Structure formats: C-alpha cells, structure tokens
C-alpha cells in the first residue's frame, strides 16, 4: 500500500466532513447529533458517535448501520469500516426530552 500525500489526506478528510455535514441535519431534527470521533484516512476506518436524543432512541443502531455506515461506504470509496456508538453519558430522561424521533407521526390539525 502506497503512502498518501498530505494533499490526499486533506482531501479525504474534507470529503468525510462534508458528507457528515450533509447527514447531520436529519439527526439534529430529532434532537440528536452525529459527531466524528476519529478518522484514519490511510486505513479507511472512521469512528462516529450519535449524541443527544439518540442515546434513548430505539432505532439508533439502525441509523448507524443502515444509514451512516451505508452512506459513508457507498460515497467514499476509501472508507473500509465505520465504527459507531451512542453517547450514553446523558440521562435517559433528558435524552428523551430532546426529540421525538422521526418515526413518530405528526398529525395536521383540521
């Protein structure tokens, strides 16, 4: 495996951050957040964490596996593995009060 130039490292990191910035509003709309913990642009291992309301959300693991991991690996050919977790330092009651989750139907008033 050839060593990456500084320019290629920077380009990969910028592409990763831009893609995460595109995904973050969807998570933030439900009271959570998506944070990059670390990225090894040489090996392709990326670590992310869901925070906020995500810590009490029943579908947070699906969001990581079916959403974040799939999107990163599909759109960034250098990503080989996505390691994800949920910040569990927040009190569950506080976490639940931050968002309702996208799976909760919203009804129009007639």
N, C-alpha and C. Protein backbone atom coordinates (compact mmCIF):
# COMPACT_ATOMS: atom_id res chain seq x y z
N UNK A 1 0.85 -1.18 0.00
CA UNK A 1 0.00 0.00 0.00
C UNK A 1 0.89 1.24 0.00
N UNK A 2 0.65 2.15 -0.94
CA UNK A 2 1.46 3.35 -1.02
C UNK A 2 0.97 4.38 -0.01
N UNK A 3 1.90 5.17 0.45
CA UNK A 3 1.57 6.19 1.44
C UNK A 3 0.86 7.35 0.76
N UNK A 4 -0.13 7.91 1.42
CA UNK A 4 -0.89 9.02 0.87
C UNK A 4 -0.12 10.32 1.02
N UNK A 5 -0.31 11.21 0.06
CA UNK A 5 0.28 12.54 0.17
C UNK A 5 -0.53 13.35 1.19
N UNK A 6 0.05 14.42 1.68
CA UNK A 6 -0.68 15.29 2.60
C UNK A 6 -1.92 15.85 1.95
N UNK A 7 -1.82 16.16 0.66
CA UNK A 7 -2.97 16.69 -0.08
C UNK A 7 -4.10 15.67 -0.13
N UNK A 8 -3.76 14.40 -0.39
CA UNK A 8 -4.79 13.35 -0.46
C UNK A 8 -5.42 13.12 0.91
N UNK A 9 -4.63 13.16 1.96
CA UNK A 9 -5.18 13.03 3.32
C UNK A 9 -6.17 14.14 3.59
N UNK A 10 -5.78 15.36 3.25
CA UNK A 10 -6.63 16.52 3.47
C UNK A 10 -7.92 16.42 2.65
N UNK A 11 -7.79 15.99 1.41
CA UNK A 11 -8.95 15.84 0.54
C UNK A 11 -9.92 14.81 1.11
N UNK A 12 -9.41 13.68 1.57
CA UNK A 12 -10.26 12.64 2.14
C UNK A 12 -10.98 13.14 3.38
N UNK A 13 -10.26 13.83 4.25
CA UNK A 13 -10.87 14.34 5.48
C UNK A 13 -11.93 15.40 5.17
N UNK A 14 -11.65 16.26 4.20
CA UNK A 14 -12.63 17.27 3.82
C UNK A 14 -13.89 16.62 3.23
N UNK A 15 -13.71 15.59 2.41
CA UNK A 15 -14.86 14.88 1.83
C UNK A 15 -15.69 14.21 2.91
N UNK A 16 -15.03 13.61 3.89
CA UNK A 16 -15.71 12.97 5.00
C UNK A 16 -16.51 13.99 5.80
N UNK A 17 -15.89 15.09 6.15
CA UNK A 17 -16.59 16.12 6.93
C UNK A 17 -17.76 16.71 6.16
N UNK A 18 -17.60 16.91 4.86
CA UNK A 18 -18.69 17.45 4.04
C UNK A 18 -19.87 16.48 4.02
N UNK A 19 -19.59 15.20 3.90
CA UNK A 19 -20.66 14.20 3.87
C UNK A 19 -21.36 14.11 5.22
N UNK A 20 -20.60 14.15 6.30
CA UNK A 20 -21.20 14.14 7.64
C UNK A 20 -22.07 15.39 7.84
N UNK A 21 -21.61 16.52 7.33
CA UNK A 21 -22.39 17.76 7.45
C UNK A 21 -23.71 17.66 6.70
N UNK A 22 -23.75 16.88 5.62
CA UNK A 22 -24.99 16.66 4.89
C UNK A 22 -25.96 15.78 5.67
N UNK A 23 -25.42 14.82 6.44
CA UNK A 23 -26.26 13.90 7.20
C UNK A 23 -26.73 14.47 8.53
N UNK A 24 -25.96 15.34 9.12
CA UNK A 24 -26.24 15.84 10.47
C UNK A 24 -27.62 16.48 10.64
N UNK A 25 -28.11 17.30 9.70
CA UNK A 25 -29.42 17.93 9.93
C UNK A 25 -30.55 16.92 10.14
N UNK A 26 -30.49 15.79 9.49
CA UNK A 26 -31.53 14.77 9.69
C UNK A 26 -31.52 14.24 11.12
N UNK A 27 -30.34 14.03 11.66
CA UNK A 27 -30.22 13.55 13.03
C UNK A 27 -30.57 14.67 14.00
N UNK A 28 -30.14 15.88 13.70
CA UNK A 28 -30.41 17.01 14.58
C UNK A 28 -31.90 17.36 14.62
N UNK A 29 -32.62 17.08 13.55
CA UNK A 29 -34.06 17.37 13.51
C UNK A 29 -34.81 16.58 14.57
N UNK A 30 -34.24 15.46 15.00
CA UNK A 30 -34.87 14.64 16.03
C UNK A 30 -34.21 14.82 17.39
N UNK A 31 -33.43 15.88 17.56
CA UNK A 31 -32.82 16.17 18.85
C UNK A 31 -31.49 15.49 19.10
N UNK A 32 -30.92 14.88 18.09
CA UNK A 32 -29.64 14.19 18.25
C UNK A 32 -28.54 14.93 17.52
N UNK A 33 -27.42 14.27 17.42
CA UNK A 33 -26.30 14.83 16.66
C UNK A 33 -25.40 13.69 16.22
N UNK A 34 -24.67 13.92 15.15
CA UNK A 34 -23.73 12.97 14.60
C UNK A 34 -22.36 13.61 14.65
N UNK A 35 -21.43 12.98 15.39
CA UNK A 35 -20.11 13.56 15.62
C UNK A 35 -19.03 12.62 15.13
N UNK A 36 -18.05 13.18 14.44
CA UNK A 36 -16.88 12.43 14.03
C UNK A 36 -15.92 12.34 15.21
N UNK A 37 -15.62 11.13 15.64
CA UNK A 37 -14.70 10.92 16.75
C UNK A 37 -13.27 10.85 16.24
N UNK A 38 -13.06 10.03 15.19
CA UNK A 38 -11.73 9.96 14.57
C UNK A 38 -11.85 9.32 13.21
N UNK A 39 -10.87 9.61 12.37
CA UNK A 39 -10.83 9.03 11.03
C UNK A 39 -9.39 8.74 10.67
N UNK A 40 -9.13 7.51 10.29
CA UNK A 40 -7.81 7.12 9.80
C UNK A 40 -7.95 7.03 8.28
N UNK A 41 -7.54 8.09 7.60
CA UNK A 41 -7.72 8.14 6.15
C UNK A 41 -6.78 7.19 5.41
N UNK A 42 -5.78 6.68 6.10
CA UNK A 42 -4.86 5.70 5.50
C UNK A 42 -5.53 4.32 5.43
N UNK A 43 -6.11 3.88 6.55
CA UNK A 43 -6.72 2.54 6.60
C UNK A 43 -8.20 2.56 6.24
N UNK A 44 -8.82 3.73 6.28
CA UNK A 44 -10.23 3.83 5.94
C UNK A 44 -11.18 3.58 7.09
N UNK A 45 -10.68 3.56 8.31
CA UNK A 45 -11.52 3.33 9.48
C UNK A 45 -12.01 4.68 10.02
N UNK A 46 -13.34 4.80 10.12
CA UNK A 46 -13.97 6.02 10.59
C UNK A 46 -14.79 5.70 11.83
N UNK A 47 -14.66 6.52 12.87
CA UNK A 47 -15.44 6.32 14.09
C UNK A 47 -16.35 7.52 14.29
N UNK A 48 -17.64 7.24 14.44
CA UNK A 48 -18.64 8.28 14.67
C UNK A 48 -19.43 7.97 15.92
N UNK A 49 -20.13 8.98 16.41
CA UNK A 49 -20.95 8.78 17.60
C UNK A 49 -22.24 9.55 17.45
N UNK A 50 -23.34 8.92 17.84
CA UNK A 50 -24.64 9.59 17.91
C UNK A 50 -24.79 10.14 19.32
N UNK A 51 -25.28 11.36 19.41
CA UNK A 51 -25.41 12.01 20.72
C UNK A 51 -26.82 12.59 20.88
N UNK A 52 -27.06 13.15 22.06
CA UNK A 52 -28.34 13.79 22.34
C UNK A 52 -29.47 12.79 22.45
N UNK A 53 -30.58 13.07 21.79
CA UNK A 53 -31.76 12.22 21.86
C UNK A 53 -31.49 10.81 21.33
N UNK A 54 -30.43 10.66 20.57
CA UNK A 54 -30.10 9.34 20.00
C UNK A 54 -29.78 8.31 21.09
N UNK A 55 -29.34 8.78 22.24
CA UNK A 55 -28.98 7.82 23.29
C UNK A 55 -30.18 7.09 23.86
N UNK A 56 -31.38 7.63 23.68
CA UNK A 56 -32.58 6.95 24.16
C UNK A 56 -33.45 6.44 23.01
N UNK A 57 -32.97 6.57 21.79
CA UNK A 57 -33.76 6.20 20.62
C UNK A 57 -33.61 4.72 20.32
N UNK A 58 -34.74 4.07 20.12
CA UNK A 58 -34.74 2.63 19.85
C UNK A 58 -34.14 2.28 18.49
N UNK A 59 -34.09 3.22 17.58
CA UNK A 59 -33.58 2.92 16.24
C UNK A 59 -32.18 3.48 15.99
N UNK A 60 -31.47 3.88 17.04
CA UNK A 60 -30.15 4.48 16.84
C UNK A 60 -29.17 3.49 16.20
N UNK A 61 -29.24 2.21 16.54
CA UNK A 61 -28.32 1.25 15.92
C UNK A 61 -28.66 1.08 14.44
N UNK A 62 -29.93 1.17 14.08
CA UNK A 62 -30.31 1.11 12.67
C UNK A 62 -29.83 2.35 11.92
N UNK A 63 -29.87 3.49 12.59
CA UNK A 63 -29.38 4.72 11.98
C UNK A 63 -27.90 4.59 11.68
N UNK A 64 -27.15 4.03 12.63
CA UNK A 64 -25.71 3.85 12.41
C UNK A 64 -25.42 2.84 11.31
N UNK A 65 -26.05 1.69 11.38
CA UNK A 65 -25.76 0.62 10.43
C UNK A 65 -26.38 0.86 9.06
N UNK A 66 -27.66 1.15 9.04
CA UNK A 66 -28.37 1.27 7.78
C UNK A 66 -28.22 2.62 7.12
N UNK A 67 -27.90 3.62 7.90
CA UNK A 67 -27.79 4.96 7.35
C UNK A 67 -26.36 5.43 7.23
N UNK A 68 -25.77 5.76 8.35
CA UNK A 68 -24.44 6.36 8.37
C UNK A 68 -23.40 5.46 7.72
N UNK A 69 -23.32 4.21 8.14
CA UNK A 69 -22.32 3.28 7.59
C UNK A 69 -22.51 3.09 6.10
N UNK A 70 -23.73 2.83 5.69
CA UNK A 70 -24.02 2.60 4.28
C UNK A 70 -23.65 3.81 3.42
N UNK A 71 -24.03 4.99 3.87
CA UNK A 71 -23.76 6.20 3.09
C UNK A 71 -22.26 6.47 3.00
N UNK A 72 -21.56 6.37 4.12
CA UNK A 72 -20.12 6.63 4.09
C UNK A 72 -19.39 5.65 3.18
N UNK A 73 -19.73 4.37 3.28
CA UNK A 73 -19.03 3.37 2.48
C UNK A 73 -19.43 3.43 1.00
N UNK A 74 -20.66 3.83 0.72
CA UNK A 74 -21.09 3.95 -0.67
C UNK A 74 -20.48 5.17 -1.37
N UNK A 75 -20.35 6.25 -0.65
CA UNK A 75 -19.94 7.51 -1.28
C UNK A 75 -18.45 7.82 -1.16
N UNK A 76 -17.78 7.19 -0.22
CA UNK A 76 -16.33 7.41 -0.07
C UNK A 76 -15.63 6.07 -0.26
N UNK A 77 -15.07 5.86 -1.43
CA UNK A 77 -14.51 4.55 -1.76
C UNK A 77 -13.33 4.14 -0.89
N UNK A 78 -12.74 5.07 -0.17
CA UNK A 78 -11.60 4.74 0.69
C UNK A 78 -12.04 4.28 2.08
N UNK A 79 -13.30 4.47 2.45
CA UNK A 79 -13.79 4.04 3.76
C UNK A 79 -13.97 2.52 3.75
N UNK A 80 -13.28 1.85 4.66
CA UNK A 80 -13.33 0.39 4.74
C UNK A 80 -14.16 -0.11 5.92
N UNK A 81 -14.28 0.72 6.95
CA UNK A 81 -15.03 0.31 8.14
C UNK A 81 -15.54 1.55 8.86
N UNK A 82 -16.77 1.46 9.35
CA UNK A 82 -17.33 2.53 10.17
C UNK A 82 -17.63 1.94 11.54
N UNK A 83 -17.03 2.52 12.55
CA UNK A 83 -17.25 2.11 13.92
C UNK A 83 -18.16 3.17 14.53
N UNK A 84 -19.28 2.73 15.05
CA UNK A 84 -20.23 3.69 15.58
C UNK A 84 -20.64 3.36 16.99
N UNK A 85 -21.08 4.37 17.66
CA UNK A 85 -21.55 4.19 19.02
C UNK A 85 -22.54 5.28 19.36
N UNK A 86 -23.11 5.14 20.52
CA UNK A 86 -24.07 6.11 21.03
C UNK A 86 -23.53 6.65 22.34
N UNK A 87 -23.55 7.96 22.48
CA UNK A 87 -23.11 8.58 23.72
C UNK A 87 -24.15 8.28 24.80
N UNK A 88 -23.77 7.46 25.75
CA UNK A 88 -24.71 7.06 26.79
C UNK A 88 -24.47 7.81 28.10
N UNK A 89 -23.73 8.92 28.02
CA UNK A 89 -23.45 9.67 29.24
C UNK A 89 -24.64 10.53 29.66
N UNK A 90 -25.56 10.76 28.75
CA UNK A 90 -26.72 11.59 29.07
C UNK A 90 -27.79 10.77 29.79
N UNK A 91 -28.44 11.39 30.73
CA UNK A 91 -29.55 10.76 31.44
C UNK A 91 -30.66 10.41 30.45
N UNK A 92 -31.19 9.20 30.50
CA UNK A 92 -32.24 8.80 29.54
C UNK A 92 -33.45 9.72 29.52
N UNK A 93 -33.85 10.23 30.67
CA UNK A 93 -35.00 11.14 30.73
C UNK A 93 -34.70 12.43 29.97
N UNK A 94 -33.48 12.97 30.17
CA UNK A 94 -33.09 14.18 29.46
C UNK A 94 -32.99 13.91 27.97
N UNK A 95 -32.45 12.77 27.62
CA UNK A 95 -32.31 12.40 26.21
C UNK A 95 -33.66 12.32 25.52
N UNK A 96 -34.62 11.69 26.17
CA UNK A 96 -35.95 11.54 25.57
C UNK A 96 -36.64 12.88 25.38
N UNK A 97 -36.33 13.86 26.24
CA UNK A 97 -36.98 15.16 26.13
C UNK A 97 -36.44 15.99 24.98
N UNK A 98 -35.32 15.59 24.39
CA UNK A 98 -34.71 16.37 23.31
C UNK A 98 -35.38 16.17 21.96
N UNK A 99 -35.97 15.03 21.74
CA UNK A 99 -36.57 14.79 20.43
C UNK A 99 -37.56 13.65 20.49
N UNK A 100 -38.40 13.63 19.49
CA UNK A 100 -39.44 12.60 19.48
C UNK A 100 -39.11 11.46 18.55
N UNK A 101 -38.15 11.61 17.71
CA UNK A 101 -37.80 10.56 16.76
C UNK A 101 -38.59 10.71 15.47
N UNK A 102 -37.97 10.37 14.37
CA UNK A 102 -38.61 10.57 13.07
C UNK A 102 -39.74 9.58 12.82
N UNK A 103 -39.81 8.54 13.60
CA UNK A 103 -40.83 7.53 13.38
C UNK A 103 -42.15 7.88 14.05
N UNK A 104 -42.23 8.98 14.77
CA UNK A 104 -43.46 9.40 15.42
C UNK A 104 -44.27 10.22 14.43
N UNK A 105 -45.50 9.79 14.13
CA UNK A 105 -46.32 10.53 13.14
C UNK A 105 -46.71 11.90 13.67
N UNK A 106 -46.75 12.84 12.78
CA UNK A 106 -47.20 14.19 13.12
C UNK A 106 -48.52 14.41 12.41
N UNK A 107 -49.51 14.83 13.15
CA UNK A 107 -50.84 14.99 12.61
C UNK A 107 -51.15 16.45 12.36
N UNK A 108 -51.83 16.70 11.28
CA UNK A 108 -52.31 18.05 10.98
C UNK A 108 -53.58 18.30 11.75
N UNK A 109 -53.72 19.52 12.20
CA UNK A 109 -54.99 19.90 12.81
C UNK A 109 -55.92 20.36 11.71
N UNK A 110 -57.16 19.89 11.77
CA UNK A 110 -58.12 20.28 10.74
C UNK A 110 -58.95 21.44 11.19
